[in-house]
Amino acid sequence: MWILVLITVNVCSLFASLIAAKPIKVFLKRHKTIADEYVLEEFKTMVRHQMYMVYFILFFNVIGLFLSIVAVVNHGLIGLIVALVTNACSFYQSQYFRKIEKRARSLDTANELLARRYYQISDTWVNKPLPDF
C-alpha cells in the first residue's frame, strides 16, 4: 500500500515539474535574447510562475521523502529499492529542471539597462522565496 502511495506521489511530482518546465521551454524557444521591455516582462511573468510552482513541487517532494521512510520501515528491502528508484527519478528530474532554469537565466541582453533588470529578476528567482518585482 505505502509503495503504491509513494509511487503515486512521485509521479505527481514528476508531472508538476513537467508542467512547471513547459513555460520555460516555451520562453526559451521564442526568445534567444532579452531584446526589449516586452521580452523582459514576459520573463518576469514566467519567473513568477516558476517561483510559485516550486512550492507545489516541494510539497510533493517532502511528502515523497516521508513516504520513502515509511515504505522502507513497512516493506523492508522492497520498500528500500522502490524508495531509491523513485528518489533517483526525482533527483534526475530536478537536475533537468535546474539545467533549463540556468539556460533561462543566462540569456544575452540588448543593453545595459535590460541586463541589470534581467540580472535582478534572475537573482530573485534563485535567492528569494517569493517574487519582489
C-alpha atoms as a PDB file:
ATOM      1  CA  MET A   1       0.000   0.000   0.000  1.00  0.00           C
ATOM      2  CA  TRP A   2       2.688   2.521   1.057  1.00  0.00           C
ATOM      3  CA  ILE A   3       4.750   1.689  -2.006  1.00  0.00           C
ATOM      4  CA  LEU A   4       1.825   2.495  -4.283  1.00  0.00           C
ATOM      5  CA  VAL A   5       1.248   5.805  -2.493  1.00  0.00           C
ATOM      6  CA  LEU A   6       4.973   6.608  -2.751  1.00  0.00           C
ATOM      7  CA  ILE A   7       4.988   5.919  -6.482  1.00  0.00           C
ATOM      8  CA  THR A   8       1.820   7.983  -6.957  1.00  0.00           C
ATOM      9  CA  VAL A   9       3.279  10.972  -5.092  1.00  0.00           C
ATOM     10  CA  ASN A  10       6.492  10.792  -7.115  1.00  0.00           C
ATOM     11  CA  VAL A  11       4.548  10.590 -10.373  1.00  0.00           C
ATOM     12  CA  CYS A  12       2.576  13.679  -9.274  1.00  0.00           C
ATOM     13  CA  SER A  13       5.868  15.446  -8.536  1.00  0.00           C
ATOM     14  CA  LEU A  14       7.162  14.490 -11.978  1.00  0.00           C
ATOM     15  CA  PHE A  15       4.038  15.812 -13.693  1.00  0.00           C
ATOM     16  CA  ALA A  16       4.151  19.027 -11.658  1.00  0.00           C
ATOM     17  CA  SER A  17       7.766  19.523 -12.737  1.00  0.00           C
ATOM     18  CA  LEU A  18       6.903  18.909 -16.367  1.00  0.00           C
ATOM     19  CA  ILE A  19       4.069  21.420 -16.117  1.00  0.00           C
ATOM     20  CA  ALA A  20       6.433  23.927 -14.498  1.00  0.00           C
ATOM     21  CA  ALA A  21       9.140  23.345 -17.117  1.00  0.00           C
ATOM     22  CA  LYS A  22       6.840  23.952 -20.082  1.00  0.00           C
ATOM     23  CA  PRO A  23       6.673  27.789 -19.742  1.00  0.00           C
ATOM     24  CA  ILE A  24      10.473  27.928 -19.513  1.00  0.00           C
ATOM     25  CA  LYS A  25      10.846  25.827 -22.643  1.00  0.00           C
ATOM     26  CA  VAL A  26       8.278  27.945 -24.490  1.00  0.00           C
ATOM     27  CA  PHE A  27      10.045  31.139 -23.406  1.00  0.00           C
ATOM     28  CA  LEU A  28      13.453  29.816 -24.494  1.00  0.00           C
ATOM     29  CA  LYS A  29      12.050  28.669 -27.818  1.00  0.00           C
ATOM     30  CA  ARG A  30      10.504  32.089 -28.504  1.00  0.00           C
ATOM     31  CA  HIS A  31      13.381  34.230 -27.220  1.00  0.00           C
ATOM     32  CA  LYS A  32      17.106  33.740 -27.665  1.00  0.00           C
ATOM     33  CA  THR A  33      17.898  37.091 -26.030  1.00  0.00           C
ATOM     34  CA  ILE A  34      16.247  39.690 -23.829  1.00  0.00           C
ATOM     35  CA  ALA A  35      15.761  42.112 -26.690  1.00  0.00           C
ATOM     36  CA  ASP A  36      13.333  44.651 -25.238  1.00  0.00           C
ATOM     37  CA  GLU A  37      10.957  45.531 -22.397  1.00  0.00           C
ATOM     38  CA  TYR A  38       8.250  43.243 -23.760  1.00  0.00           C
ATOM     39  CA  VAL A  39      10.532  40.197 -23.544  1.00  0.00           C
ATOM     40  CA  LEU A  40      11.656  41.230 -20.055  1.00  0.00           C
ATOM     41  CA  GLU A  41       8.018  41.495 -18.921  1.00  0.00           C
ATOM     42  CA  GLU A  42       7.333  38.061 -20.369  1.00  0.00           C
ATOM     43  CA  PHE A  43      10.390  36.768 -18.488  1.00  0.00           C
ATOM     44  CA  LYS A  44       9.059  38.301 -15.241  1.00  0.00           C
ATOM     45  CA  THR A  45       5.706  36.578 -15.697  1.00  0.00           C
ATOM     46  CA  MET A  46       7.375  33.253 -16.360  1.00  0.00           C
ATOM     47  CA  VAL A  47       9.666  33.636 -13.332  1.00  0.00           C
ATOM     48  CA  ARG A  48       6.737  34.465 -11.046  1.00  0.00           C
ATOM     49  CA  HIS A  49       5.000  31.296 -12.202  1.00  0.00           C
ATOM     50  CA  GLN A  50       8.153  29.269 -11.536  1.00  0.00           C
ATOM     51  CA  MET A  51       8.670  30.738  -8.085  1.00  0.00           C
ATOM     52  CA  TYR A  52       5.166  29.728  -7.021  1.00  0.00           C
ATOM     53  CA  MET A  53       5.268  26.317  -8.711  1.00  0.00           C
ATOM     54  CA  VAL A  54       8.400  25.354  -6.803  1.00  0.00           C
ATOM     55  CA  TYR A  55       6.378  25.249  -3.574  1.00  0.00           C
ATOM     56  CA  PHE A  56       3.888  22.885  -5.159  1.00  0.00           C
ATOM     57  CA  ILE A  57       6.726  20.611  -6.306  1.00  0.00           C
ATOM     58  CA  LEU A  58       8.453  20.905  -2.928  1.00  0.00           C
ATOM     59  CA  PHE A  59       5.249  19.756  -1.242  1.00  0.00           C
ATOM     60  CA  PHE A  60       5.276  16.540  -3.278  1.00  0.00           C
ATOM     61  CA  ASN A  61       8.984  16.010  -2.653  1.00  0.00           C
ATOM     62  CA  VAL A  62       8.675  16.382   1.117  1.00  0.00           C
ATOM     63  CA  ILE A  63       5.702  14.012   1.199  1.00  0.00           C
ATOM     64  CA  GLY A  64       7.662  11.634  -1.053  1.00  0.00           C
ATOM     65  CA  LEU A  65      10.621  11.670   1.314  1.00  0.00           C
ATOM     66  CA  PHE A  66       8.375  10.905   4.282  1.00  0.00           C
ATOM     67  CA  LEU A  67       6.670   8.111   2.335  1.00  0.00           C
ATOM     68  CA  SER A  68      10.074   6.691   1.361  1.00  0.00           C
ATOM     69  CA  ILE A  69      10.893   6.270   5.040  1.00  0.00           C
ATOM     70  CA  VAL A  70       7.501   4.706   5.725  1.00  0.00           C
ATOM     71  CA  ALA A  71       7.907   2.328   2.756  1.00  0.00           C
ATOM     72  CA  VAL A  72      11.328   1.177   3.975  1.00  0.00           C
ATOM     73  CA  VAL A  73      10.060   0.631   7.522  1.00  0.00           C
ATOM     74  CA  ASN A  74       6.943  -1.254   6.412  1.00  0.00           C
ATOM     75  CA  HIS A  75       8.269  -3.178   3.396  1.00  0.00           C
ATOM     76  CA  GLY A  76      11.962  -3.709   4.108  1.00  0.00           C
ATOM     77  CA  LEU A  77      14.207  -4.359   1.113  1.00  0.00           C
ATOM     78  CA  ILE A  78      11.429  -3.939  -1.470  1.00  0.00           C
ATOM     79  CA  GLY A  79      10.495  -0.601   0.087  1.00  0.00           C
ATOM     80  CA  LEU A  80      14.145   0.450   0.038  1.00  0.00           C
ATOM     81  CA  ILE A  81      14.515  -0.429  -3.639  1.00  0.00           C
ATOM     82  CA  VAL A  82      11.331   1.427  -4.583  1.00  0.00           C
ATOM     83  CA  ALA A  83      12.382   4.419  -2.450  1.00  0.00           C
ATOM     84  CA  LEU A  84      15.823   4.525  -4.079  1.00  0.00           C
ATOM     85  CA  VAL A  85      14.387   4.284  -7.591  1.00  0.00           C
ATOM     86  CA  THR A  86      11.708   6.928  -7.031  1.00  0.00           C
ATOM     87  CA  ASN A  87      14.146   9.292  -5.313  1.00  0.00           C
ATOM     88  CA  ALA A  88      16.690   8.772  -8.095  1.00  0.00           C
ATOM     89  CA  CYS A  89      13.988   9.726 -10.609  1.00  0.00           C
ATOM     90  CA  SER A  90      13.196  12.833  -8.554  1.00  0.00           C
ATOM     91  CA  PHE A  91      16.877  13.724  -8.428  1.00  0.00           C
ATOM     92  CA  TYR A  92      17.353  13.432 -12.201  1.00  0.00           C
ATOM     93  CA  GLN A  93      14.154  15.348 -12.823  1.00  0.00           C
ATOM     94  CA  SER A  94      15.397  18.177 -10.579  1.00  0.00           C
ATOM     95  CA  GLN A  95      18.740  18.226 -12.409  1.00  0.00           C
ATOM     96  CA  TYR A  96      16.962  18.542 -15.745  1.00  0.00           C
ATOM     97  CA  PHE A  97      14.755  21.317 -14.371  1.00  0.00           C
ATOM     98  CA  ARG A  98      17.794  23.133 -12.953  1.00  0.00           C
ATOM     99  CA  LYS A  99      19.518  22.920 -16.343  1.00  0.00           C
ATOM    100  CA  ILE A 100      16.698  24.636 -18.235  1.00  0.00           C
ATOM    101  CA  GLU A 101      16.311  27.230 -15.466  1.00  0.00           C
ATOM    102  CA  LYS A 102      20.005  28.031 -15.794  1.00  0.00           C
ATOM    103  CA  ARG A 103      19.612  28.480 -19.554  1.00  0.00           C
ATOM    104  CA  ALA A 104      16.727  30.883 -18.962  1.00  0.00           C
ATOM    105  CA  ARG A 105      18.855  32.907 -16.527  1.00  0.00           C
ATOM    106  CA  SER A 106      21.840  33.169 -18.862  1.00  0.00           C
ATOM    107  CA  LEU A 107      20.425  34.850 -21.965  1.00  0.00           C
ATOM    108  CA  ASP A 108      22.123  37.807 -23.599  1.00  0.00           C
ATOM    109  CA  THR A 109      20.514  41.232 -23.333  1.00  0.00           C
ATOM    110  CA  ALA A 110      20.192  44.100 -25.790  1.00  0.00           C
ATOM    111  CA  ASN A 111      21.533  46.820 -23.495  1.00  0.00           C
ATOM    112  CA  GLU A 112      22.931  47.520 -20.040  1.00  0.00           C
ATOM    113  CA  LEU A 113      19.626  48.634 -18.501  1.00  0.00           C
ATOM    114  CA  LEU A 114      17.891  45.425 -19.570  1.00  0.00           C
ATOM    115  CA  ALA A 115      20.899  43.420 -18.381  1.00  0.00           C
ATOM    116  CA  ARG A 116      20.730  44.955 -14.915  1.00  0.00           C
ATOM    117  CA  ARG A 117      16.988  44.343 -14.550  1.00  0.00           C
ATOM    118  CA  TYR A 118      17.293  40.834 -16.024  1.00  0.00           C
ATOM    119  CA  TYR A 119      20.059  40.025 -13.532  1.00  0.00           C
ATOM    120  CA  GLN A 120      17.949  41.326 -10.614  1.00  0.00           C
ATOM    121  CA  ILE A 121      14.999  39.175 -11.657  1.00  0.00           C
ATOM    122  CA  SER A 122      17.245  36.138 -12.148  1.00  0.00           C
ATOM    123  CA  ASP A 123      18.872  36.728  -8.768  1.00  0.00           C
ATOM    124  CA  THR A 124      15.460  36.938  -7.118  1.00  0.00           C
ATOM    125  CA  TRP A 125      14.456  33.706  -8.839  1.00  0.00           C
ATOM    126  CA  VAL A 126      17.406  31.883  -7.314  1.00  0.00           C
ATOM    127  CA  ASN A 127      17.834  33.544  -3.938  1.00  0.00           C
ATOM    128  CA  LYS A 128      14.459  34.714  -2.668  1.00  0.00           C
ATOM    129  CA  PRO A 129      11.392  32.721  -1.654  1.00  0.00           C
ATOM    130  CA  LEU A 130       8.848  34.970  -3.390  1.00  0.00           C
ATOM    131  CA  PRO A 131       8.992  37.399  -6.313  1.00  0.00           C
ATOM    132  CA  ASP A 132       9.529  41.048  -5.363  1.00  0.00           C
ATOM    133  CA  PHE A 133       9.340  42.580  -8.810  1.00  0.00           C
END
